[in-house]
């Protein structure tokens, strides 16, 4: 247990942006919305007489045409994939924002390089989603370091603002700081605070005692400048 706290305490000072405006914690710290109904992607061999849905939509030399084809209704299931990637990486980033950027990158690369093939499509899509996530994090860090304000109606950080009561600027600071936490700290916190998984279940999964996990959550929330009632950790 000491190793986890030591790793958290080793977070570089320049990576910690300091606490924002404090906010009381409501029933849930971070808003978690379930993924929309999945669209089943038909996977066929690329030499099939009947081209697959992905090959139909991604075969063009016009990125605009491809983007128009894959945007409306999300026929290639990119939004659920974006949710899964963010969850797998335990990152506090709006999945819809990641999805929108990933769709544009998928369209651009498919137009330039051609369709990757049905067997490679899942890996291709996930790679574009990861690139989109990296780009968003770089963009947000640039804005934060420049001290650019976040409009109160900006929904990019609603994952936090809806549940915690933080304003958008503080939510950006908290999310960026959270995403810089080391994996052994960030992943169990994400499971409890974002995915609303039972404390006992998460403690067991990450080889922690329930009390140690409570202590870790409290320590990180205080470090992030977010007040909470320890009694909320059931």
Protein backbone atom coordinates (compact mmCIF):
# COMPACT_ATOMS: atom_id res chain seq x y z
CA UNK A 1 0.00 0.00 0.00
CA UNK A 2 2.86 2.36 0.79
CA UNK A 3 4.16 1.98 -2.76
CA UNK A 4 0.93 3.36 -4.19
CA UNK A 5 1.02 6.44 -1.97
CA UNK A 6 4.72 6.92 -2.65
CA UNK A 7 4.05 6.79 -6.39
CA UNK A 8 1.29 9.34 -6.03
CA UNK A 9 3.46 11.65 -3.91
CA UNK A 10 6.19 11.44 -6.56
CA UNK A 11 3.97 13.28 -9.04
CA UNK A 12 6.12 16.16 -10.27
CA UNK A 13 5.26 19.59 -8.94
CA UNK A 14 5.01 21.03 -12.43
CA UNK A 15 2.42 18.39 -13.30
CA UNK A 16 0.21 19.38 -10.38
CA UNK A 17 -1.73 22.51 -11.25
CA UNK A 18 -3.04 23.19 -7.76
CA UNK A 19 -6.59 22.99 -6.48
CA UNK A 20 -9.35 24.87 -8.20
CA UNK A 21 -12.49 26.24 -6.60
CA UNK A 22 -13.69 23.76 -4.03
CA UNK A 23 -17.07 22.12 -4.50
CA UNK A 24 -19.26 19.91 -2.41
CA UNK A 25 -19.68 16.38 -3.70
CA UNK A 26 -23.20 15.34 -4.64
CA UNK A 27 -24.48 11.79 -5.01
CA UNK A 28 -21.90 10.99 -7.67
CA UNK A 29 -18.53 12.64 -8.15
CA UNK A 30 -18.41 12.29 -11.91
CA UNK A 31 -21.35 11.84 -14.24
CA UNK A 32 -21.26 8.52 -16.08
CA UNK A 33 -23.58 7.97 -19.01
CA UNK A 34 -24.09 4.46 -20.36
CA UNK A 35 -23.01 3.88 -23.95
CA UNK A 36 -25.65 4.10 -26.67
CA UNK A 37 -26.98 0.89 -28.26
CA UNK A 38 -24.24 -0.80 -30.20
CA UNK A 39 -24.40 -1.17 -33.96
CA UNK A 40 -23.19 -4.57 -35.07
CA UNK A 41 -20.49 -4.20 -37.70
CA UNK A 42 -20.66 -6.96 -40.29
CA UNK A 43 -17.17 -8.35 -40.83
CA UNK A 44 -16.54 -10.10 -44.13
CA UNK A 45 -13.49 -11.04 -46.13
CA UNK A 46 -12.23 -8.12 -48.22
CA UNK A 47 -12.50 -10.18 -51.41
CA UNK A 48 -16.16 -11.02 -50.81
CA UNK A 49 -18.59 -10.39 -53.64
CA UNK A 50 -20.70 -8.40 -51.16
CA UNK A 51 -18.53 -5.66 -49.62
CA UNK A 52 -18.81 -5.17 -45.89
CA UNK A 53 -20.42 -2.10 -44.38
CA UNK A 54 -17.04 -0.70 -43.35
CA UNK A 55 -15.59 -1.19 -46.83
CA UNK A 56 -18.63 0.46 -48.41
CA UNK A 57 -18.34 3.52 -46.18
CA UNK A 58 -14.57 3.92 -46.15
CA UNK A 59 -13.80 3.37 -49.82
CA UNK A 60 -13.43 6.79 -51.42
CA UNK A 61 -10.70 9.29 -52.20
CA UNK A 62 -12.75 12.09 -50.61
CA UNK A 63 -12.39 12.52 -46.86
CA UNK A 64 -15.49 14.71 -46.85
CA UNK A 65 -17.59 12.00 -48.49
CA UNK A 66 -16.34 9.39 -46.06
CA UNK A 67 -16.95 11.62 -43.05
CA UNK A 68 -20.50 12.33 -44.18
CA UNK A 69 -21.10 8.60 -44.60
CA UNK A 70 -19.79 7.56 -41.19
CA UNK A 71 -21.00 10.54 -39.13
CA UNK A 72 -24.78 10.32 -39.16
CA UNK A 73 -25.96 7.52 -36.91
CA UNK A 74 -22.41 6.29 -36.23
CA UNK A 75 -22.79 3.18 -38.45
CA UNK A 76 -19.26 1.98 -37.65
CA UNK A 77 -19.84 2.04 -33.89
CA UNK A 78 -17.07 4.54 -33.19
CA UNK A 79 -18.74 6.20 -30.19
CA UNK A 80 -19.01 2.96 -28.16
CA UNK A 81 -15.44 2.17 -29.17
CA UNK A 82 -14.35 5.60 -27.88
CA UNK A 83 -16.08 4.94 -24.56
CA UNK A 84 -14.29 1.60 -24.30
CA UNK A 85 -10.87 3.10 -25.10
CA UNK A 86 -11.30 5.92 -22.54
CA UNK A 87 -12.41 3.37 -19.95
CA UNK A 88 -9.57 0.97 -20.78
CA UNK A 89 -7.08 3.82 -20.30
CA UNK A 90 -8.98 5.22 -17.29
CA UNK A 91 -8.94 8.73 -18.74
CA UNK A 92 -11.30 11.55 -17.77
CA UNK A 93 -12.14 12.73 -21.27
CA UNK A 94 -15.54 13.25 -22.87
CA UNK A 95 -15.98 10.21 -25.12
CA UNK A 96 -18.24 12.12 -27.51
CA UNK A 97 -15.46 14.63 -28.08
CA UNK A 98 -13.01 11.80 -28.72
CA UNK A 99 -15.48 10.16 -31.09
CA UNK A 100 -15.94 13.30 -33.20
CA UNK A 101 -12.22 13.79 -33.66
CA UNK A 102 -11.65 10.09 -34.32
CA UNK A 103 -14.31 10.07 -37.06
CA UNK A 104 -12.51 12.92 -38.83
CA UNK A 105 -9.17 11.12 -38.54
CA UNK A 106 -10.65 7.86 -39.79
CA UNK A 107 -12.10 9.64 -42.82
CA UNK A 108 -8.85 11.45 -43.60
CA UNK A 109 -6.66 8.35 -43.33
CA UNK A 110 -9.07 6.14 -45.26
CA UNK A 111 -9.15 8.69 -48.10
CA UNK A 112 -5.35 8.98 -48.21
CA UNK A 113 -4.33 5.37 -47.60
CA UNK A 114 -7.33 3.39 -48.76
CA UNK A 115 -9.47 0.97 -46.78
CA UNK A 116 -7.45 -1.09 -44.31
CA UNK A 117 -9.45 -4.33 -44.72
CA UNK A 118 -12.10 -5.89 -42.54
CA UNK A 119 -9.75 -7.93 -40.39
CA UNK A 120 -7.66 -4.86 -39.56
CA UNK A 121 -10.59 -2.49 -39.08
CA UNK A 122 -11.01 -2.89 -35.28
CA UNK A 123 -7.32 -2.18 -34.65
CA UNK A 124 -7.38 0.66 -37.21
CA UNK A 125 -10.40 2.29 -35.53
CA UNK A 126 -8.97 1.93 -32.02
CA UNK A 127 -5.67 3.42 -33.14
CA UNK A 128 -7.45 6.48 -34.55
CA UNK A 129 -9.40 6.83 -31.30
CA UNK A 130 -6.17 6.70 -29.28
CA UNK A 131 -4.66 9.35 -31.56
CA UNK A 132 -7.73 11.52 -31.10
CA UNK A 133 -7.45 11.16 -27.33
CA UNK A 134 -3.76 12.15 -27.40
CA UNK A 135 -4.58 15.19 -29.53
CA UNK A 136 -7.32 16.32 -27.16
CA UNK A 137 -5.06 15.98 -24.12
CA UNK A 138 -2.31 17.98 -25.86
CA UNK A 139 -4.85 20.66 -26.80
CA UNK A 140 -6.22 20.91 -23.27
CA UNK A 141 -2.77 21.09 -21.70
CA UNK A 142 -1.84 23.90 -24.08
CA UNK A 143 -4.97 25.85 -23.12
CA UNK A 144 -4.34 25.25 -19.42
CA UNK A 145 -0.72 26.39 -19.55
CA UNK A 146 -1.73 29.52 -21.45
CA UNK A 147 -4.35 30.22 -18.81
CA UNK A 148 -7.16 30.35 -21.34
CA UNK A 149 -10.57 30.51 -19.67
CA UNK A 150 -13.28 27.93 -20.33
CA UNK A 151 -16.72 29.23 -21.19
CA UNK A 152 -19.32 28.31 -18.59
CA UNK A 153 -21.44 26.74 -21.34
CA UNK A 154 -18.55 24.64 -22.68
CA UNK A 155 -19.60 20.99 -22.41
CA UNK A 156 -16.19 19.44 -22.99
CA UNK A 157 -15.79 18.78 -19.27
CA UNK A 158 -19.36 17.83 -18.44
CA UNK A 159 -18.10 14.42 -17.28
CA UNK A 160 -16.95 16.24 -14.15
CA UNK A 161 -19.07 19.39 -13.94
CA UNK A 162 -22.39 17.53 -13.89
CA UNK A 163 -21.50 15.45 -10.87
CA UNK A 164 -19.11 17.59 -8.83
CA UNK A 165 -20.40 21.15 -9.13
CA UNK A 166 -17.01 22.44 -10.32
CA UNK A 167 -17.02 25.17 -12.95
CA UNK A 168 -15.65 24.38 -16.42
CA UNK A 169 -12.20 25.90 -15.85
CA UNK A 170 -11.66 24.00 -12.61
CA UNK A 171 -13.05 20.84 -14.20
CA UNK A 172 -10.43 21.08 -16.94
CA UNK A 173 -7.69 21.48 -14.33
CA UNK A 174 -8.97 18.55 -12.28
CA UNK A 175 -9.35 16.25 -15.29
CA UNK A 176 -5.86 17.03 -16.60
CA UNK A 177 -4.31 16.48 -13.18
CA UNK A 178 -6.27 13.27 -12.70
CA UNK A 179 -5.11 11.96 -16.09
CA UNK A 180 -1.48 12.49 -15.07
CA UNK A 181 -1.81 10.26 -12.02
CA UNK A 182 0.15 6.99 -12.21
CA UNK A 183 -1.81 3.94 -13.28
CA UNK A 184 -1.89 2.23 -9.84
CA UNK A 185 -3.61 5.34 -8.47
CA UNK A 186 -5.72 6.46 -11.41
CA UNK A 187 -7.30 3.14 -12.38
CA UNK A 188 -8.95 2.24 -9.05
CA UNK A 189 -10.15 5.83 -8.63
CA UNK A 190 -11.63 5.80 -12.12
CA UNK A 191 -13.43 2.54 -11.38
CA UNK A 192 -15.03 3.97 -8.23
CA UNK A 193 -15.57 7.64 -9.09
CA UNK A 194 -16.40 7.40 -12.79
CA UNK A 195 -17.78 3.92 -13.34
CA UNK A 196 -19.50 3.79 -9.95
CA UNK A 197 -18.24 0.29 -9.21
CA UNK A 198 -18.60 -1.01 -5.64
CA UNK A 199 -15.73 -0.07 -3.37
CA UNK A 200 -15.21 -3.64 -2.16
CA UNK A 201 -15.12 -4.98 -5.73
CA UNK A 202 -12.53 -2.41 -6.81
CA UNK A 203 -10.40 -2.96 -3.73
CA UNK A 204 -10.28 -6.69 -4.43
CA UNK A 205 -9.45 -6.19 -8.11
CA UNK A 206 -6.50 -3.92 -7.33
CA UNK A 207 -5.27 -5.93 -4.34
CA UNK A 208 -6.15 -3.25 -1.79
CA UNK A 209 -8.05 -3.31 1.45
CA UNK A 210 -11.29 -1.37 1.45
CA UNK A 211 -9.92 1.07 4.02
CA UNK A 212 -6.75 1.61 1.99
CA UNK A 213 -8.81 2.39 -1.10
CA UNK A 214 -10.94 4.85 0.87
CA UNK A 215 -7.79 6.54 2.12
CA UNK A 216 -6.37 6.73 -1.40
CA UNK A 217 -9.57 8.28 -2.79
CA UNK A 218 -9.72 10.82 0.02
CA UNK A 219 -6.08 11.77 -0.42
CA UNK A 220 -6.40 12.30 -4.17
CA UNK A 221 -9.66 14.28 -3.93
CA UNK A 222 -8.10 16.56 -1.34
CA UNK A 223 -5.02 16.97 -3.53
CA UNK A 224 -7.30 17.89 -6.45
CA UNK A 225 -9.06 20.48 -4.33
CA UNK A 226 -12.40 18.69 -4.21
CA UNK A 227 -14.15 18.46 -0.85
CA UNK A 228 -16.08 15.32 -0.03
CA UNK A 229 -17.75 13.56 2.85
CA UNK A 230 -15.79 10.42 3.78
CA UNK A 231 -19.11 8.85 4.69
CA UNK A 232 -20.01 8.82 0.99
CA UNK A 233 -17.47 6.03 0.47
CA UNK A 234 -19.61 3.04 1.33
